[in-house]
Amino acid sequence: MKNKVNIGLIGIGTVGGGTYKVLHDNAEEITRKTGKQVSISHVADMNVELAKKVVSDDTKIFSDAFQLVDDDTIDIIVELIGGTTVSKDLVVRAIKNGKHVVTANKALIAIHGEELVALAKSNNVILAFEASVAGGIPIIKAIREGLVGNKIEWVAGIINGTTNYILTEMRENRLSFQTALKQAQELGFAEADPTFDIEGIDAAHKLTILASVSFGIPINFDAVYIEGISSLDSIDIGYAEELGYRIKLLAITKCHEDAVELRVHPTLVPEKRLVANVNGPMNAVLVKGNMVGPTLYYGAGAGSEATASSVVADIIDIIRQSEINSEERVPVLGFKPEHIKPKRLLNINEVISEYYLRMTMSNMTGLLARITSIFAKHSISIDAMTQKEVEENAKDVDIILITSPVIEEVMNKIINEIESLPENKNKIIKIRIESLNK
């Protein structure tokens, strides 16, 4: 690659502006690390006036991003517009034009990653996407390179800052979900339409990428079990804390001998675990290697300069690797393409977990015995049981159970049987538990 490296930046919003700032402010440091002069020479954004306010006068600005990717003077394309339609067309065209590509677009990689990785390989260019997962935390590089000598056994993380902020406010300030969500929106932590965040879809996109890099399996977003936090009741956050747990929206993937599990859902985590104490909009990812054991990666999962830090790291990686023979480069998914092989993907009903259950029952003699007999019939132990104190002569009572590990299909059968008891008043609340220490 020539001594002056020209970057074509598509999207000059929050992360795009941050990327421009990092490359501009740290230009001397980047030159020392690459031996090249790296600058954003071209920008594309539909809001040309905004772009003019952000970039220098000598930066060429396009309103049509396709004109930018067709410019022969650009060496690396950085895609920061999001989505999976126009962004895909732009990335495909850039790759076919022989340009290296950096993207922070987790949905694009989660849904079209297999196609794009193969296309990049066939065109002898590099596709990099560190910023697509956990913002400024270099988690993909950590797994792909730092832990390369390990067999990764599982990954579990808080990889959506919006939901972590909401859950923190619900616990610390006893806010309802709706109040905490509104507060997150007012502070800019949540979008006007927060569906992708609060329903777990954003975290699932990111988990899909982590699983592929960790286990050498194809990227398969459709295989992820997804459960968000919109139906989570603050009463369960309080009960969990009384029992020594915190509730977090975790993205979890585990590799077994013959299968992989991929799931995103609210999870009780023992409060003594470091990840349980990650609060506000911060992210954290635990990675268990068979030799190193559990390792924790913590930092800002979003934001202008934090995410831009990962974008620029990818740009530098591309500069360093572009002149290396393609067969000698670090594989984009961590494994040689011929060794990326599918594994059976577990249905959520096959997953084994401990469970928190909250049931509302009529306060009648012999109730606990009837409940415990149902568990005994299925050979499942109850590790803890609490009957919440109620006012004298109250008709209903909350019963909280913590179970021993049980396969989900059996747990659902037990729940169905308990819900059929005449004393049962409402649908039983079920939340999975992860100890994160094995």
Protein backbone atom coordinates (compact mmCIF):
# COMPACT_ATOMS: atom_id res chain seq x y z
CA MET A 1 0.00 0.00 0.00
CA LYS A 2 1.27 3.47 -0.91
CA ASN A 3 2.65 5.89 1.69
CA LYS A 4 -0.51 8.00 1.70
CA VAL A 5 -3.64 5.99 2.48
CA ASN A 6 -6.96 7.52 1.44
CA ILE A 7 -10.06 6.62 3.41
CA GLY A 8 -13.55 6.93 1.97
CA LEU A 9 -16.03 7.40 4.82
CA ILE A 10 -19.73 6.67 4.25
CA GLY A 11 -21.84 8.30 6.98
CA ILE A 12 -20.70 11.32 8.97
CA GLY A 13 -23.04 10.85 11.94
CA THR A 14 -22.04 10.03 15.51
CA VAL A 15 -19.50 7.29 14.77
CA GLY A 16 -18.43 8.83 11.46
CA GLY A 17 -17.67 12.12 13.15
CA GLY A 18 -15.78 10.25 15.84
CA THR A 19 -13.74 8.36 13.25
CA TYR A 20 -12.78 11.59 11.54
CA LYS A 21 -11.73 13.06 14.92
CA VAL A 22 -9.65 10.02 15.93
CA LEU A 23 -7.80 9.93 12.60
CA HIS A 24 -7.23 13.69 12.70
CA ASP A 25 -6.26 14.06 16.36
CA ASN A 26 -4.10 10.93 16.48
CA ALA A 27 -2.55 11.33 13.03
CA GLU A 28 1.03 11.45 14.31
CA GLU A 29 0.55 8.37 16.50
CA ILE A 30 -1.05 6.45 13.63
CA THR A 31 1.82 7.35 11.29
CA ARG A 32 4.31 6.09 13.87
CA LYS A 33 2.44 2.78 14.04
CA THR A 34 1.85 2.26 10.32
CA GLY A 35 4.57 4.21 8.55
CA LYS A 36 1.78 5.73 6.43
CA GLN A 37 -0.09 9.00 6.25
CA VAL A 38 -3.73 8.05 6.83
CA SER A 39 -6.52 10.51 6.18
CA ILE A 40 -10.20 10.66 5.30
CA SER A 41 -9.97 12.08 1.80
CA HIS A 42 -13.57 11.43 0.76
CA VAL A 43 -16.89 11.50 2.65
CA ALA A 44 -20.39 10.54 1.53
CA ASP A 45 -23.50 11.67 3.36
CA MET A 46 -26.94 12.73 2.23
CA ASN A 47 -26.56 15.73 4.55
CA VAL A 48 -23.81 17.52 2.66
CA GLU A 49 -24.04 20.63 4.83
CA LEU A 50 -23.42 18.57 7.97
CA ALA A 51 -20.43 16.91 6.34
CA LYS A 52 -18.96 20.31 5.45
CA LYS A 53 -19.12 21.32 9.12
CA VAL A 54 -17.25 18.19 10.27
CA VAL A 55 -14.49 17.64 7.70
CA SER A 56 -11.70 19.85 6.40
CA ASP A 57 -12.02 21.94 3.26
CA ASP A 58 -9.80 19.63 1.22
CA THR A 59 -12.06 16.59 1.84
CA LYS A 60 -14.15 15.65 -1.18
CA ILE A 61 -17.83 15.29 -0.25
CA PHE A 62 -20.43 13.20 -2.10
CA SER A 63 -24.17 13.06 -1.59
CA ASP A 64 -24.19 9.75 -3.50
CA ALA A 65 -22.20 7.05 -1.68
CA PHE A 66 -21.98 4.90 -4.82
CA GLN A 67 -19.89 7.62 -6.47
CA LEU A 68 -17.51 7.41 -3.52
CA VAL A 69 -17.02 3.63 -3.72
CA ASP A 70 -16.31 3.97 -7.44
CA ASP A 71 -13.53 6.52 -6.88
CA ASP A 72 -10.21 4.92 -7.87
CA THR A 73 -8.15 7.10 -5.52
CA ILE A 74 -9.67 5.58 -2.38
CA ASP A 75 -7.87 2.66 -0.68
CA ILE A 76 -10.24 1.74 2.18
CA ILE A 77 -14.01 2.20 2.46
CA VAL A 78 -15.53 2.73 5.92
CA GLU A 79 -19.29 2.01 6.01
CA LEU A 80 -21.12 3.61 8.95
CA ILE A 81 -24.70 4.08 7.75
CA GLY A 82 -26.21 0.89 9.19
CA GLY A 83 -29.05 -1.19 7.83
CA THR A 84 -28.85 -4.23 5.58
CA THR A 85 -30.03 -3.03 2.16
CA VAL A 86 -28.19 0.01 0.77
CA SER A 87 -25.25 -0.69 3.06
CA LYS A 88 -24.93 -4.19 1.64
CA ASP A 89 -25.03 -2.91 -1.93
CA LEU A 90 -22.32 -0.39 -1.11
CA VAL A 91 -20.07 -2.93 0.59
CA VAL A 92 -20.51 -5.45 -2.23
CA ARG A 93 -19.65 -2.80 -4.82
CA ALA A 94 -16.63 -1.63 -2.85
CA ILE A 95 -15.30 -5.17 -2.56
CA LYS A 96 -15.83 -5.84 -6.26
CA ASN A 97 -13.96 -2.60 -6.95
CA GLY A 98 -11.01 -4.11 -5.09
CA LYS A 99 -11.27 -1.92 -2.00
CA HIS A 100 -10.77 -3.04 1.58
CA VAL A 101 -13.83 -2.43 3.78
CA VAL A 102 -14.34 -1.53 7.45
CA THR A 103 -17.85 -1.61 8.89
CA ALA A 104 -19.45 -1.13 12.31
CA ASN A 105 -22.68 -2.64 11.01
CA LYS A 106 -23.54 -5.66 13.19
CA ALA A 107 -26.84 -6.38 11.42
CA LEU A 108 -25.09 -6.45 8.05
CA ILE A 109 -22.47 -8.93 9.26
CA ALA A 110 -24.94 -11.05 11.24
CA ILE A 111 -27.30 -11.44 8.30
CA HIS A 112 -24.99 -11.27 5.25
CA GLY A 113 -21.58 -11.98 6.78
CA GLU A 114 -21.04 -15.35 5.13
CA GLU A 115 -21.61 -13.90 1.68
CA LEU A 116 -19.48 -10.82 2.30
CA VAL A 117 -16.55 -12.72 3.83
CA ALA A 118 -16.48 -15.08 0.83
CA LEU A 119 -16.72 -12.16 -1.60
CA ALA A 120 -13.85 -10.35 0.10
CA LYS A 121 -11.69 -13.47 -0.08
CA SER A 122 -12.40 -13.99 -3.77
CA ASN A 123 -11.46 -10.38 -4.49
CA ASN A 124 -8.32 -10.51 -2.32
CA VAL A 125 -9.43 -7.68 -0.04
CA ILE A 126 -9.95 -7.45 3.72
CA LEU A 127 -13.37 -7.09 5.40
CA ALA A 128 -13.02 -5.85 9.00
CA PHE A 129 -15.79 -5.36 11.58
CA GLU A 130 -14.32 -5.00 15.08
CA ALA A 131 -16.62 -2.06 15.85
CA SER A 132 -19.71 -4.15 15.11
CA VAL A 133 -19.54 -5.78 18.56
CA ALA A 134 -19.16 -4.01 21.94
CA GLY A 135 -18.11 -0.62 20.56
CA GLY A 136 -14.68 0.32 21.83
CA ILE A 137 -13.92 -3.07 23.42
CA PRO A 138 -11.59 -4.99 21.05
CA ILE A 139 -13.39 -8.25 21.74
CA ILE A 140 -13.14 -9.77 18.26
CA LYS A 141 -9.39 -9.22 18.17
CA ALA A 142 -9.07 -10.58 21.71
CA ILE A 143 -10.82 -13.82 20.76
CA ARG A 144 -9.38 -14.15 17.27
CA GLU A 145 -5.78 -13.31 18.16
CA GLY A 146 -5.18 -12.87 21.90
CA LEU A 147 -6.83 -16.19 22.80
CA VAL A 148 -5.88 -17.98 19.58
CA GLY A 149 -4.09 -20.74 21.51
CA ASN A 150 -7.27 -21.64 23.40
CA LYS A 151 -10.32 -23.65 22.54
CA ILE A 152 -13.12 -21.23 23.43
CA GLU A 153 -15.73 -22.97 25.57
CA TRP A 154 -18.25 -20.17 26.11
CA VAL A 155 -18.84 -16.46 25.76
CA ALA A 156 -21.33 -14.44 27.81
CA GLY A 157 -21.72 -10.71 27.69
CA ILE A 158 -23.59 -7.52 28.32
CA ILE A 159 -23.35 -6.20 24.77
CA ASN A 160 -26.22 -3.74 24.65
CA GLY A 161 -25.73 -0.56 26.64
CA THR A 162 -29.33 0.61 26.37
CA THR A 163 -30.77 -2.40 28.16
CA ASN A 164 -28.01 -2.39 30.74
CA TYR A 165 -28.77 1.25 31.54
CA ILE A 166 -32.48 0.47 31.89
CA LEU A 167 -31.87 -2.53 34.17
CA THR A 168 -29.45 -0.51 36.28
CA GLU A 169 -32.04 2.23 36.80
CA MET A 170 -34.76 -0.32 37.59
CA ARG A 171 -32.55 -1.85 40.29
CA GLU A 172 -30.83 1.18 41.79
CA ASN A 173 -33.71 3.66 41.66
CA ARG A 174 -36.64 1.22 41.69
CA LEU A 175 -37.98 2.62 38.41
CA SER A 176 -40.54 0.80 36.28
CA PHE A 177 -39.41 -0.44 32.88
CA GLN A 178 -41.35 2.27 31.03
CA THR A 179 -39.96 5.07 33.24
CA ALA A 180 -36.39 3.81 32.86
CA LEU A 181 -36.83 3.50 29.08
CA LYS A 182 -38.13 7.05 28.81
CA GLN A 183 -35.18 8.29 30.84
CA ALA A 184 -32.77 6.38 28.56
CA GLN A 185 -34.37 8.02 25.53
CA GLU A 186 -34.10 11.48 27.05
CA LEU A 187 -30.39 10.92 27.75
CA GLY A 188 -29.71 9.59 24.25
CA PHE A 189 -28.99 6.00 25.35
CA ALA A 190 -32.11 4.68 23.57
CA GLU A 191 -33.53 5.38 20.13
CA ALA A 192 -36.99 6.83 19.56
CA ASP A 193 -37.90 3.30 18.41
CA PRO A 194 -35.98 1.14 20.92
CA THR A 195 -37.28 -2.23 19.67
CA PHE A 196 -33.96 -3.64 18.46
CA ASP A 197 -32.38 -2.88 21.84
CA ILE A 198 -35.07 -3.78 24.37
CA GLU A 199 -36.22 -6.91 22.53
CA GLY A 200 -32.67 -8.31 22.35
CA ILE A 201 -32.25 -8.17 18.56
CA ASP A 202 -29.19 -5.88 18.65
CA ALA A 203 -27.46 -8.18 21.16
CA ALA A 204 -28.37 -11.21 19.04
CA HIS A 205 -26.73 -9.68 15.96
CA LYS A 206 -23.53 -9.21 17.94
CA LEU A 207 -23.70 -12.67 19.53
CA THR A 208 -23.96 -14.28 16.09
CA ILE A 209 -20.63 -12.71 15.15
CA LEU A 210 -18.95 -13.66 18.45
CA ALA A 211 -20.05 -17.29 18.12
CA SER A 212 -18.58 -17.59 14.64
CA VAL A 213 -15.24 -16.07 15.67
CA SER A 214 -15.15 -18.16 18.86
CA PHE A 215 -16.11 -21.59 17.52
CA GLY A 216 -15.38 -21.51 13.80
CA ILE A 217 -19.02 -21.97 12.78
CA PRO A 218 -20.92 -20.18 10.00
CA ILE A 219 -22.63 -16.91 10.89
CA ASN A 220 -26.27 -17.80 11.52
CA PHE A 221 -28.49 -15.12 13.05
CA ASP A 222 -31.64 -17.21 12.60
CA ALA A 223 -30.35 -19.75 15.14
CA VAL A 224 -30.35 -17.31 18.08
CA TYR A 225 -33.05 -17.62 20.75
CA ILE A 226 -34.06 -14.05 21.61
CA GLU A 227 -35.95 -12.74 24.62
CA GLY A 228 -35.90 -9.06 25.55
CA ILE A 229 -36.52 -7.09 28.74
CA SER A 230 -39.78 -5.29 27.89
CA SER A 231 -41.88 -7.68 29.99
CA LEU A 232 -39.47 -7.71 32.95
CA ASP A 233 -41.10 -6.62 36.20
CA SER A 234 -39.18 -4.50 38.72
CA ILE A 235 -40.49 -6.79 41.48
CA ASP A 236 -38.32 -9.61 40.10
CA ILE A 237 -35.27 -7.36 40.06
CA GLY A 238 -35.91 -6.70 43.76
CA TYR A 239 -36.50 -10.35 44.64
CA ALA A 240 -33.37 -11.36 42.73
CA GLU A 241 -31.30 -8.88 44.69
CA GLU A 242 -32.63 -10.23 47.98
CA LEU A 243 -31.42 -13.67 46.87
CA GLY A 244 -27.94 -12.36 45.98
CA TYR A 245 -28.38 -11.93 42.20
CA ARG A 246 -28.50 -9.14 39.63
CA ILE A 247 -30.58 -9.36 36.46
CA LYS A 248 -28.72 -8.59 33.24
CA LEU A 249 -29.62 -9.03 29.57
CA LEU A 250 -26.93 -11.55 28.63
CA ALA A 251 -25.89 -12.80 25.23
CA ILE A 252 -24.65 -16.36 25.76
CA THR A 253 -23.06 -18.89 23.45
CA LYS A 254 -21.61 -22.22 24.54
CA CYS A 255 -19.83 -24.86 22.50
CA HIS A 256 -20.47 -28.51 23.33
CA GLU A 257 -18.87 -31.50 21.66
CA ASP A 258 -21.57 -31.83 19.03
CA ALA A 259 -23.62 -28.63 19.31
CA VAL A 260 -23.67 -24.90 20.00
CA GLU A 261 -26.20 -22.88 21.95
CA LEU A 262 -26.96 -19.25 21.06
CA ARG A 263 -29.31 -17.27 23.29
CA VAL A 264 -30.12 -13.74 24.44
CA HIS A 265 -32.37 -13.26 27.47
CA PRO A 266 -32.64 -11.68 30.93
CA THR A 267 -30.42 -13.65 33.28
CA LEU A 268 -29.82 -13.83 37.02
CA VAL A 269 -26.08 -13.51 37.72
CA PRO A 270 -24.58 -13.92 41.22
CA GLU A 271 -23.86 -10.41 42.53
CA LYS A 272 -20.28 -11.38 43.42
CA ARG A 273 -19.42 -11.82 39.72
CA LEU A 274 -17.69 -8.82 38.17
CA VAL A 275 -20.07 -8.80 35.22
CA ALA A 276 -23.02 -8.45 37.61
CA ASN A 277 -21.57 -5.11 38.70
CA VAL A 278 -21.30 -3.61 35.23
CA ASN A 279 -23.79 -0.76 35.37
CA GLY A 280 -25.20 2.03 33.25
CA PRO A 281 -24.57 1.93 29.49
CA MET A 282 -21.28 0.03 29.82
CA ASN A 283 -20.55 -3.32 28.15
CA ALA A 284 -18.63 -6.36 29.38
CA VAL A 285 -17.82 -9.70 27.79
CA LEU A 286 -16.64 -12.87 29.55
CA VAL A 287 -14.74 -15.38 27.44
CA LYS A 288 -13.83 -18.84 28.77
CA GLY A 289 -10.82 -20.47 27.14
CA ASN A 290 -9.95 -24.05 27.98
CA MET A 291 -6.42 -23.06 29.03
CA VAL A 292 -6.71 -19.48 30.30
CA GLY A 293 -10.08 -19.84 32.05
CA PRO A 294 -12.60 -16.97 32.20
CA THR A 295 -11.33 -13.57 31.02
CA LEU A 296 -13.30 -10.31 31.25
CA TYR A 297 -13.34 -7.40 28.79
CA TYR A 298 -14.99 -4.17 29.93
CA GLY A 299 -15.56 -0.76 28.40
CA ALA A 300 -17.80 1.57 26.45
CA GLY A 301 -20.03 -0.36 24.12
CA ALA A 302 -21.17 2.63 22.13
CA GLY A 303 -20.49 6.31 21.62
CA SER A 304 -18.69 8.43 19.08
CA GLU A 305 -15.03 8.11 19.96
CA ALA A 306 -15.22 4.70 21.68
CA THR A 307 -16.68 3.00 18.61
CA ALA A 308 -14.44 5.07 16.34
CA SER A 309 -11.47 3.66 18.25
CA SER A 310 -12.37 0.19 16.94
CA VAL A 311 -13.02 1.50 13.43
CA VAL A 312 -9.58 3.09 13.29
CA ALA A 313 -7.99 -0.06 14.75
CA ASP A 314 -9.45 -1.97 11.80
CA ILE A 315 -8.08 0.60 9.37
CA ILE A 316 -4.62 0.17 10.87
CA ASP A 317 -4.93 -3.63 10.76
CA ILE A 318 -5.80 -3.45 7.07
CA ILE A 319 -2.78 -1.23 6.36
CA ARG A 320 -0.52 -3.67 8.20
CA GLN A 321 -1.92 -6.76 6.50
CA SER A 322 -2.67 -5.48 3.00
CA GLU A 323 0.80 -6.19 1.67
CA ILE A 324 0.89 -9.69 3.17
CA ASN A 325 -0.01 -12.64 0.98
CA SER A 326 -3.73 -13.31 1.50
CA GLU A 327 -3.05 -16.84 2.76
CA GLU A 328 -0.82 -15.45 5.51
CA ARG A 329 -3.29 -12.86 6.82
CA VAL A 330 -5.18 -13.33 10.07
CA PRO A 331 -8.42 -15.08 9.00
CA VAL A 332 -11.32 -12.65 9.23
CA LEU A 333 -13.38 -15.12 11.31
CA GLY A 334 -10.38 -16.49 13.19
CA PHE A 335 -10.36 -19.87 11.43
CA LYS A 336 -9.14 -20.81 7.97
CA PRO A 337 -12.18 -20.75 5.66
CA GLU A 338 -11.94 -24.47 4.90
CA HIS A 339 -12.14 -25.19 8.63
CA ILE A 340 -15.28 -23.17 9.32
CA LYS A 341 -17.83 -25.93 9.74
CA PRO A 342 -21.43 -25.98 10.93
CA LYS A 343 -22.43 -27.60 14.20
CA ARG A 344 -25.85 -28.60 15.37
CA LEU A 345 -27.54 -25.57 16.92
CA LEU A 346 -29.45 -26.29 20.10
CA ASN A 347 -33.09 -25.37 20.40
CA ILE A 348 -33.81 -23.43 23.60
CA ASN A 349 -35.78 -26.43 24.90
CA GLU A 350 -32.52 -28.44 24.89
CA VAL A 351 -30.56 -25.92 26.99
CA ILE A 352 -29.71 -26.79 30.60
CA SER A 353 -29.92 -24.02 33.17
CA GLU A 354 -30.84 -23.16 36.72
CA TYR A 355 -34.04 -21.14 37.03
CA TYR A 356 -35.65 -18.41 39.08
CA LEU A 357 -39.42 -18.90 39.30
CA ARG A 358 -41.98 -16.52 40.75
CA MET A 359 -45.50 -17.80 41.25
CA THR A 360 -48.50 -16.07 42.76
CA MET A 361 -50.69 -18.50 44.68
CA SER A 362 -53.66 -18.60 47.01
CA ASN A 363 -52.29 -18.74 50.54
CA MET A 364 -53.62 -22.21 51.49
CA THR A 365 -52.44 -25.00 53.77
CA GLY A 366 -50.31 -27.66 52.04
CA LEU A 367 -49.46 -25.48 49.05
CA LEU A 368 -45.68 -25.80 49.32
CA ALA A 369 -45.95 -29.59 49.62
CA ARG A 370 -47.95 -29.75 46.39
CA ILE A 371 -45.40 -27.63 44.56
CA THR A 372 -42.39 -29.59 45.80
CA SER A 373 -44.05 -32.89 44.91
CA ILE A 374 -44.26 -31.79 41.26
CA PHE A 375 -40.52 -31.10 41.23
CA ALA A 376 -39.83 -34.43 42.94
CA LYS A 377 -41.87 -36.26 40.31
CA HIS A 378 -39.49 -34.93 37.66
CA SER A 379 -36.39 -35.61 39.84
CA ILE A 380 -35.51 -31.90 40.01
CA SER A 381 -34.18 -30.31 43.20
CA ILE A 382 -35.18 -26.94 44.62
CA ASP A 383 -32.07 -25.10 45.81
CA ALA A 384 -33.94 -22.28 47.50
CA MET A 385 -37.57 -21.42 48.25
CA THR A 386 -38.96 -18.22 49.72
CA GLN A 387 -42.54 -17.39 50.59
CA LYS A 388 -42.80 -13.62 50.75
CA GLU A 389 -44.39 -12.27 53.88
CA VAL A 390 -47.87 -10.93 53.38
CA GLU A 391 -50.31 -9.01 55.50
CA GLU A 392 -52.43 -11.03 57.90
CA ASN A 393 -55.42 -12.66 56.19
CA ALA A 394 -54.03 -11.90 52.71
CA LYS A 395 -55.45 -14.23 50.08
CA ASP A 396 -52.43 -14.43 47.73
CA VAL A 397 -48.71 -14.96 48.27
CA ASP A 398 -45.60 -14.78 46.09
CA ILE A 399 -43.44 -17.90 46.16
CA ILE A 400 -39.89 -17.64 44.82
CA LEU A 401 -37.92 -20.74 43.81
CA ILE A 402 -34.35 -21.31 42.66
CA THR A 403 -33.95 -24.67 40.94
CA SER A 404 -31.02 -26.96 40.37
CA PRO A 405 -29.86 -27.34 36.73
CA VAL A 406 -32.62 -28.71 34.52
CA ILE A 407 -33.24 -28.99 30.80
CA GLU A 408 -35.66 -26.30 29.62
CA GLU A 409 -38.16 -28.75 28.18
CA VAL A 410 -38.57 -30.39 31.60
CA MET A 411 -38.73 -27.00 33.32
CA ASN A 412 -41.60 -25.99 31.05
CA LYS A 413 -43.48 -29.20 31.89
CA ILE A 414 -43.09 -28.47 35.60
CA ILE A 415 -44.33 -24.92 35.11
CA ASN A 416 -47.37 -26.14 33.17
CA GLU A 417 -48.26 -28.56 35.96
CA ILE A 418 -47.91 -25.89 38.66
CA GLU A 419 -49.97 -23.43 36.63
CA SER A 420 -52.73 -26.03 36.44
CA LEU A 421 -53.03 -26.12 40.24
CA PRO A 422 -56.26 -24.51 41.45
CA GLU A 423 -54.26 -22.27 43.80
CA ASN A 424 -52.32 -20.66 40.92
CA LYS A 425 -53.32 -17.08 40.12
CA ASN A 426 -51.04 -15.92 37.29
CA LYS A 427 -48.57 -17.05 34.67
CA ILE A 428 -45.36 -18.16 36.37
CA ILE A 429 -42.37 -15.88 35.79
CA LYS A 430 -39.30 -17.82 34.61
CA ILE A 431 -35.80 -16.31 34.39
CA ARG A 432 -32.67 -18.34 33.67
CA ILE A 433 -29.62 -18.25 35.95
CA GLU A 434 -25.94 -18.34 34.91
CA SER A 435 -23.17 -18.77 37.48
CA LEU A 436 -20.42 -17.85 34.92
CA ASN A 437 -17.66 -19.61 36.85
CA LYS A 438 -17.19 -22.91 35.03
